[in-house]
Amino acid sequence: MHLADDGAVTLTGAGRQAYQRVSEQSGALSGRMMECLSPEEDEALMELLQRVAGHLGTLAAETPRQ
């Protein structure tokens, strides 16, 4: 990882390779994890998780920083 003067973060070559490996492995695991759900159940779950994530964002914005 490299932090530029402007605050931008970039991955090194080794970082990009590691990201690719992890991304491939997590994608395969995610697919296997969800294979027990029907397409309709998978869609419903994703909608619910997106709603919860949005609500958490709202709560975070409302919570004063200490």
N, C-alpha and C. Protein backbone atom coordinates (compact mmCIF):
# COMPACT_ATOMS: atom_id res chain seq x y z
N MET A 1 0.84 -1.16 0.00
CA MET A 1 0.00 0.00 0.00
C MET A 1 0.89 1.23 0.00
N HIS A 2 0.45 2.23 -0.73
CA HIS A 2 1.20 3.48 -0.84
C HIS A 2 0.25 4.64 -0.58
N LEU A 3 0.65 5.56 0.27
CA LEU A 3 -0.14 6.76 0.55
C LEU A 3 0.51 7.94 -0.15
N ALA A 4 -0.21 8.53 -1.10
CA ALA A 4 0.30 9.66 -1.87
C ALA A 4 0.18 10.95 -1.06
N ASP A 5 0.86 11.97 -1.50
CA ASP A 5 0.81 13.27 -0.82
C ASP A 5 -0.60 13.83 -0.75
N ASP A 6 -1.44 13.50 -1.74
CA ASP A 6 -2.80 14.02 -1.75
C ASP A 6 -3.77 13.16 -0.94
N GLY A 7 -3.25 12.12 -0.26
CA GLY A 7 -4.08 11.26 0.58
C GLY A 7 -4.62 10.04 -0.14
N ALA A 8 -4.37 9.94 -1.44
CA ALA A 8 -4.84 8.78 -2.19
C ALA A 8 -4.04 7.55 -1.78
N VAL A 9 -4.72 6.43 -1.68
CA VAL A 9 -4.08 5.17 -1.32
C VAL A 9 -4.08 4.27 -2.55
N THR A 10 -2.92 3.71 -2.85
CA THR A 10 -2.82 2.77 -3.97
C THR A 10 -2.13 1.51 -3.48
N LEU A 11 -2.42 0.41 -4.16
CA LEU A 11 -1.79 -0.86 -3.81
C LEU A 11 -0.50 -1.03 -4.59
N THR A 12 0.46 -1.66 -3.97
CA THR A 12 1.69 -2.04 -4.65
C THR A 12 1.37 -3.25 -5.53
N GLY A 13 2.31 -3.68 -6.34
CA GLY A 13 2.11 -4.87 -7.16
C GLY A 13 1.77 -6.08 -6.30
N ALA A 14 2.50 -6.27 -5.21
CA ALA A 14 2.22 -7.40 -4.31
C ALA A 14 0.84 -7.25 -3.67
N GLY A 15 0.47 -6.03 -3.36
CA GLY A 15 -0.85 -5.78 -2.78
C GLY A 15 -1.96 -6.10 -3.77
N ARG A 16 -1.76 -5.75 -5.03
CA ARG A 16 -2.76 -6.06 -6.06
C ARG A 16 -2.90 -7.57 -6.23
N GLN A 17 -1.79 -8.29 -6.20
CA GLN A 17 -1.83 -9.75 -6.32
C GLN A 17 -2.56 -10.37 -5.12
N ALA A 18 -2.27 -9.90 -3.93
CA ALA A 18 -2.94 -10.41 -2.73
C ALA A 18 -4.42 -10.12 -2.78
N TYR A 19 -4.78 -8.92 -3.21
CA TYR A 19 -6.20 -8.55 -3.34
C TYR A 19 -6.90 -9.48 -4.32
N GLN A 20 -6.26 -9.78 -5.43
CA GLN A 20 -6.85 -10.66 -6.44
C GLN A 20 -7.10 -12.05 -5.86
N ARG A 21 -6.13 -12.59 -5.13
CA ARG A 21 -6.29 -13.93 -4.53
C ARG A 21 -7.43 -13.94 -3.52
N VAL A 22 -7.47 -12.95 -2.66
CA VAL A 22 -8.51 -12.89 -1.64
C VAL A 22 -9.87 -12.70 -2.28
N SER A 23 -9.94 -11.86 -3.30
CA SER A 23 -11.19 -11.60 -3.99
C SER A 23 -11.73 -12.87 -4.63
N GLU A 24 -10.88 -13.64 -5.28
CA GLU A 24 -11.30 -14.89 -5.91
C GLU A 24 -11.79 -15.89 -4.87
N GLN A 25 -11.05 -16.01 -3.77
CA GLN A 25 -11.42 -16.97 -2.73
C GLN A 25 -12.73 -16.57 -2.05
N SER A 26 -12.89 -15.30 -1.75
CA SER A 26 -14.12 -14.87 -1.07
C SER A 26 -15.32 -14.98 -1.99
N GLY A 27 -15.13 -14.75 -3.28
CA GLY A 27 -16.22 -14.90 -4.23
C GLY A 27 -16.69 -16.34 -4.31
N ALA A 28 -15.75 -17.26 -4.33
CA ALA A 28 -16.09 -18.69 -4.37
C ALA A 28 -16.80 -19.10 -3.08
N LEU A 29 -16.31 -18.64 -1.95
CA LEU A 29 -16.93 -18.97 -0.67
C LEU A 29 -18.33 -18.38 -0.58
N SER A 30 -18.49 -17.17 -1.02
CA SER A 30 -19.80 -16.52 -0.99
C SER A 30 -20.81 -17.31 -1.82
N GLY A 31 -20.40 -17.75 -2.98
CA GLY A 31 -21.28 -18.54 -3.83
C GLY A 31 -21.69 -19.84 -3.16
N ARG A 32 -20.74 -20.51 -2.55
CA ARG A 32 -21.04 -21.76 -1.86
C ARG A 32 -21.93 -21.53 -0.65
N MET A 33 -21.72 -20.44 0.06
CA MET A 33 -22.51 -20.12 1.23
C MET A 33 -23.98 -19.92 0.87
N MET A 34 -24.23 -19.30 -0.27
CA MET A 34 -25.58 -18.94 -0.65
C MET A 34 -26.30 -20.01 -1.46
N GLU A 35 -25.63 -21.10 -1.79
CA GLU A 35 -26.27 -22.10 -2.64
C GLU A 35 -27.44 -22.81 -1.95
N CYS A 36 -27.56 -22.67 -0.64
CA CYS A 36 -28.68 -23.29 0.07
C CYS A 36 -29.96 -22.45 -0.07
N LEU A 37 -29.85 -21.25 -0.61
CA LEU A 37 -31.01 -20.37 -0.78
C LEU A 37 -31.53 -20.42 -2.20
N SER A 38 -32.82 -20.27 -2.33
CA SER A 38 -33.40 -20.14 -3.67
C SER A 38 -33.05 -18.75 -4.18
N PRO A 39 -33.16 -18.51 -5.48
CA PRO A 39 -32.90 -17.16 -6.00
C PRO A 39 -33.77 -16.11 -5.33
N GLU A 40 -35.01 -16.45 -5.02
CA GLU A 40 -35.91 -15.50 -4.36
C GLU A 40 -35.45 -15.20 -2.94
N GLU A 41 -35.02 -16.24 -2.23
CA GLU A 41 -34.52 -16.03 -0.86
C GLU A 41 -33.24 -15.21 -0.87
N ASP A 42 -32.37 -15.48 -1.82
CA ASP A 42 -31.12 -14.73 -1.95
C ASP A 42 -31.42 -13.26 -2.20
N GLU A 43 -32.35 -12.98 -3.08
CA GLU A 43 -32.72 -11.59 -3.37
C GLU A 43 -33.32 -10.91 -2.15
N ALA A 44 -34.20 -11.62 -1.43
CA ALA A 44 -34.81 -11.05 -0.23
C ALA A 44 -33.75 -10.76 0.83
N LEU A 45 -32.81 -11.68 1.01
CA LEU A 45 -31.74 -11.49 1.98
C LEU A 45 -30.90 -10.26 1.63
N MET A 46 -30.53 -10.12 0.38
CA MET A 46 -29.72 -8.97 -0.04
C MET A 46 -30.47 -7.66 0.19
N GLU A 47 -31.76 -7.63 -0.10
CA GLU A 47 -32.56 -6.42 0.14
C GLU A 47 -32.60 -6.08 1.63
N LEU A 48 -32.78 -7.09 2.48
CA LEU A 48 -32.81 -6.86 3.92
C LEU A 48 -31.45 -6.37 4.43
N LEU A 49 -30.38 -6.99 3.97
CA LEU A 49 -29.05 -6.56 4.41
C LEU A 49 -28.74 -5.14 3.95
N GLN A 50 -29.18 -4.77 2.75
CA GLN A 50 -28.98 -3.40 2.28
C GLN A 50 -29.76 -2.41 3.14
N ARG A 51 -30.96 -2.81 3.55
CA ARG A 51 -31.76 -1.93 4.40
C ARG A 51 -31.09 -1.74 5.76
N VAL A 52 -30.58 -2.84 6.34
CA VAL A 52 -29.88 -2.75 7.62
C VAL A 52 -28.63 -1.88 7.49
N ALA A 53 -27.88 -2.07 6.41
CA ALA A 53 -26.66 -1.27 6.19
C ALA A 53 -27.00 0.21 6.06
N GLY A 54 -28.07 0.53 5.35
CA GLY A 54 -28.50 1.92 5.24
C GLY A 54 -28.90 2.50 6.57
N HIS A 55 -29.58 1.70 7.37
CA HIS A 55 -30.00 2.16 8.70
C HIS A 55 -28.78 2.40 9.60
N LEU A 56 -27.80 1.52 9.50
CA LEU A 56 -26.57 1.72 10.28
C LEU A 56 -25.87 3.01 9.89
N GLY A 57 -25.90 3.33 8.59
CA GLY A 57 -25.32 4.60 8.14
C GLY A 57 -26.05 5.78 8.75
N THR A 58 -27.37 5.69 8.81
CA THR A 58 -28.18 6.76 9.43
C THR A 58 -27.84 6.90 10.90
N LEU A 59 -27.76 5.76 11.59
CA LEU A 59 -27.42 5.79 13.02
C LEU A 59 -26.04 6.39 13.25
N ALA A 60 -25.10 6.03 12.42
CA ALA A 60 -23.74 6.56 12.55
C ALA A 60 -23.72 8.06 12.38
N ALA A 61 -24.52 8.56 11.44
CA ALA A 61 -24.58 10.02 11.19
C ALA A 61 -25.23 10.74 12.37
N GLU A 62 -26.14 10.07 13.07
CA GLU A 62 -26.83 10.67 14.21
C GLU A 62 -26.02 10.63 15.49
N THR A 63 -25.07 9.72 15.56
CA THR A 63 -24.30 9.52 16.78
C THR A 63 -23.18 10.55 16.87
N PRO A 64 -23.17 11.34 17.95
CA PRO A 64 -22.09 12.34 18.07
C PRO A 64 -20.75 11.66 18.28
N ARG A 65 -19.74 12.23 17.68
CA ARG A 65 -18.37 11.69 17.84
C ARG A 65 -17.81 12.14 19.16
N GLN A 66 -17.08 11.24 19.78
CA GLN A 66 -16.50 11.55 21.10
C GLN A 66 -15.05 11.89 20.96
